[in-house]
Protein backbone atom coordinates (compact mmCIF):
# COMPACT_ATOMS: atom_id res chain seq x y z
CA MET A 1 190.29 69.66 119.35
CA LYS A 2 190.98 66.04 118.48
CA THR A 3 188.33 64.08 116.65
CA LEU A 4 187.39 60.46 117.35
CA ALA A 5 185.70 58.60 114.50
CA THR A 6 183.40 55.61 114.49
CA ILE A 7 182.52 53.52 111.46
CA GLY A 8 180.30 50.57 110.57
CA TYR A 9 180.54 48.36 107.51
CA GLU A 10 177.07 46.77 107.35
CA THR A 11 176.22 48.09 103.87
CA ASP A 12 179.72 48.83 102.60
CA THR A 13 182.48 46.97 100.80
CA GLN A 14 185.97 46.71 102.18
CA GLY A 15 187.16 49.14 99.50
CA GLY A 16 184.41 51.60 100.36
CA LEU A 17 185.22 51.41 104.05
CA ILE A 18 188.92 51.99 103.42
CA ALA A 19 188.10 54.96 101.18
CA ARG A 20 185.98 56.52 103.95
CA LEU A 21 188.76 55.97 106.48
CA LYS A 22 191.38 57.51 104.20
CA ALA A 23 189.14 60.51 103.42
CA ALA A 24 188.83 61.08 107.18
CA GLU A 25 192.61 60.72 107.60
CA VAL A 26 192.23 57.84 110.07
CA GLU A 27 195.58 56.44 111.20
CA LEU A 28 194.38 53.49 113.28
CA VAL A 29 191.25 51.35 113.20
CA VAL A 30 190.30 49.99 116.60
CA ASP A 31 188.08 46.99 116.02
CA VAL A 32 185.57 46.80 118.88
CA ARG A 33 183.83 43.60 117.79
CA ALA A 34 183.72 40.75 120.30
CA VAL A 35 183.97 38.36 117.36
CA ALA A 36 186.29 39.72 114.69
CA SER A 37 185.13 37.35 112.00
CA SER A 38 182.49 38.25 109.46
CA ARG A 39 180.31 36.57 106.89
CA LYS A 40 180.75 39.74 104.85
CA ALA A 41 183.71 39.41 102.48
CA GLY A 42 186.83 41.30 103.49
CA PHE A 43 185.91 42.05 107.10
CA SER A 44 187.41 39.17 109.06
CA LYS A 45 190.21 40.24 111.39
CA THR A 46 193.31 39.06 109.51
CA LEU A 47 192.16 40.02 106.03
CA LEU A 48 190.86 43.40 107.16
CA GLY A 49 194.00 44.15 109.16
CA ASN A 50 196.28 43.23 106.24
CA SER A 51 194.20 45.27 103.80
CA LEU A 52 194.22 48.31 106.08
CA ASN A 53 197.97 48.01 106.64
CA ALA A 54 198.52 47.87 102.87
CA GLU A 55 196.73 51.23 102.66
CA GLY A 56 198.78 52.81 105.45
CA ILE A 57 196.17 52.41 108.20
CA ASP A 58 197.08 50.49 111.34
CA TYR A 59 194.69 47.93 112.86
CA LEU A 60 194.11 46.83 116.44
CA HIS A 61 191.44 44.42 117.69
CA LEU A 62 190.31 45.14 121.26
CA ARG A 63 188.03 42.18 121.86
CA ALA A 64 187.29 43.28 125.44
CA LEU A 65 185.41 46.28 123.99
CA GLY A 66 183.04 43.98 122.12
CA THR A 67 179.45 43.37 123.12
CA PRO A 68 178.87 40.12 125.04
CA LYS A 69 176.64 37.56 123.33
CA PRO A 70 173.45 38.51 125.23
CA GLY A 71 173.98 42.13 124.17
CA ARG A 72 174.47 41.13 120.53
CA GLU A 73 171.30 39.05 120.69
CA ALA A 74 169.37 41.99 122.16
CA ALA A 75 170.69 44.32 119.45
CA ARG A 76 169.73 41.89 116.66
CA ALA A 77 166.22 41.72 118.16
CA GLY A 78 165.98 45.51 118.16
CA ARG A 79 166.17 45.79 121.95
CA ILE A 80 168.76 48.58 121.93
CA ASP A 81 168.12 49.75 125.50
CA GLU A 82 168.72 46.20 126.74
CA MET A 83 171.93 45.96 124.67
CA ARG A 84 173.12 49.26 126.17
CA ALA A 85 172.45 48.06 129.73
CA ILE A 86 174.31 44.81 129.09
CA PHE A 87 177.23 46.63 127.51
CA ASP A 88 177.41 49.28 130.27
CA ALA A 89 177.69 46.45 132.82
CA HIS A 90 180.33 44.75 130.67
CA LEU A 91 182.41 47.95 130.60
CA GLU A 92 182.81 47.72 134.38
CA GLU A 93 184.79 44.48 134.03
CA PRO A 94 188.59 44.77 134.47
CA ALA A 95 189.48 43.60 130.94
CA ALA A 96 187.05 46.09 129.41
CA GLN A 97 188.41 48.88 131.63
CA LEU A 98 191.96 48.11 130.48
CA ALA A 99 190.92 48.04 126.82
CA LEU A 100 188.99 51.30 127.21
CA ALA A 101 192.05 52.93 128.79
CA GLN A 102 194.19 51.65 125.91
CA ALA A 103 191.79 53.03 123.29
CA THR A 104 191.63 56.35 125.15
CA ASP A 105 195.42 56.61 125.28
CA LEU A 106 195.65 55.88 121.56
CA ALA A 107 193.05 58.54 120.80
CA LYS A 108 195.19 61.14 122.61
CA THR A 109 197.89 61.00 119.97
CA ARG A 110 196.40 59.36 116.88
CA ARG A 111 193.35 59.78 114.68
CA ILE A 112 191.45 56.56 115.43
CA ALA A 113 188.19 55.07 114.24
CA LEU A 114 186.19 52.59 116.31
CA LEU A 115 184.97 49.86 113.95
CA CYS A 116 181.94 47.61 114.27
CA TYR A 117 179.34 46.05 111.96
CA GLU A 118 176.26 48.26 112.36
CA ASP A 119 175.89 51.25 110.04
CA ASP A 120 173.83 53.25 112.54
CA ALA A 121 176.06 54.20 115.45
CA ASN A 122 172.94 54.96 117.51
CA CYS A 123 172.15 51.23 117.50
CA CYS A 124 175.71 50.11 118.19
CA HIS A 125 177.84 49.75 121.29
CA ARG A 126 180.65 51.68 119.61
CA GLN A 127 178.69 54.85 120.43
CA ILE A 128 178.98 53.97 124.12
CA VAL A 129 182.73 53.39 123.79
CA ALA A 130 183.07 56.68 121.92
CA ALA A 131 181.09 58.51 124.60
CA ARG A 132 183.36 57.16 127.33
CA ILE A 133 186.47 58.27 125.41
CA ARG A 134 184.88 61.67 124.68
CA ALA A 135 184.12 62.14 128.40
CA THR A 136 187.82 61.70 129.21
CA LEU A 137 189.39 63.54 126.28
CA LYS A 138 186.71 66.15 125.59
CA CYS A 139 187.03 65.31 121.90
CA GLU A 140 184.51 65.51 119.10
CA VAL A 141 182.98 62.24 117.85
CA VAL A 142 182.23 61.84 114.15
CA ASP A 143 180.37 58.88 112.66
CA LEU A 144 181.83 58.15 109.23
């Protein structure tokens, strides 16, 4: 059975994140942040992608799988159920459906990790994305 990974970097360094990805034999990081910039050093899109590529891990940003601003605001305020409802509605949009199909197709043949900021996948939309992929592929989901 294939395994789908998810990972957050909230309390990690770039080096620590890359080490966890390599230990899990991840081949491709699928960045599911709506905004792929970060105040945390080393996690903005271009720098992170280049650093991952230098370590033999591919990088793809699927912005359409990011949480819309109202969902991010709800999550920051601790209103996780509200964030989930907003994100579930967002996933019905055509661009999100296409991005979800792309991530699912990639997970069929490669070991991927869905990346977002939050450490706790239970409080993050990446768990919803992972659940949708798992429903299609019947794969195991592991939070790194």
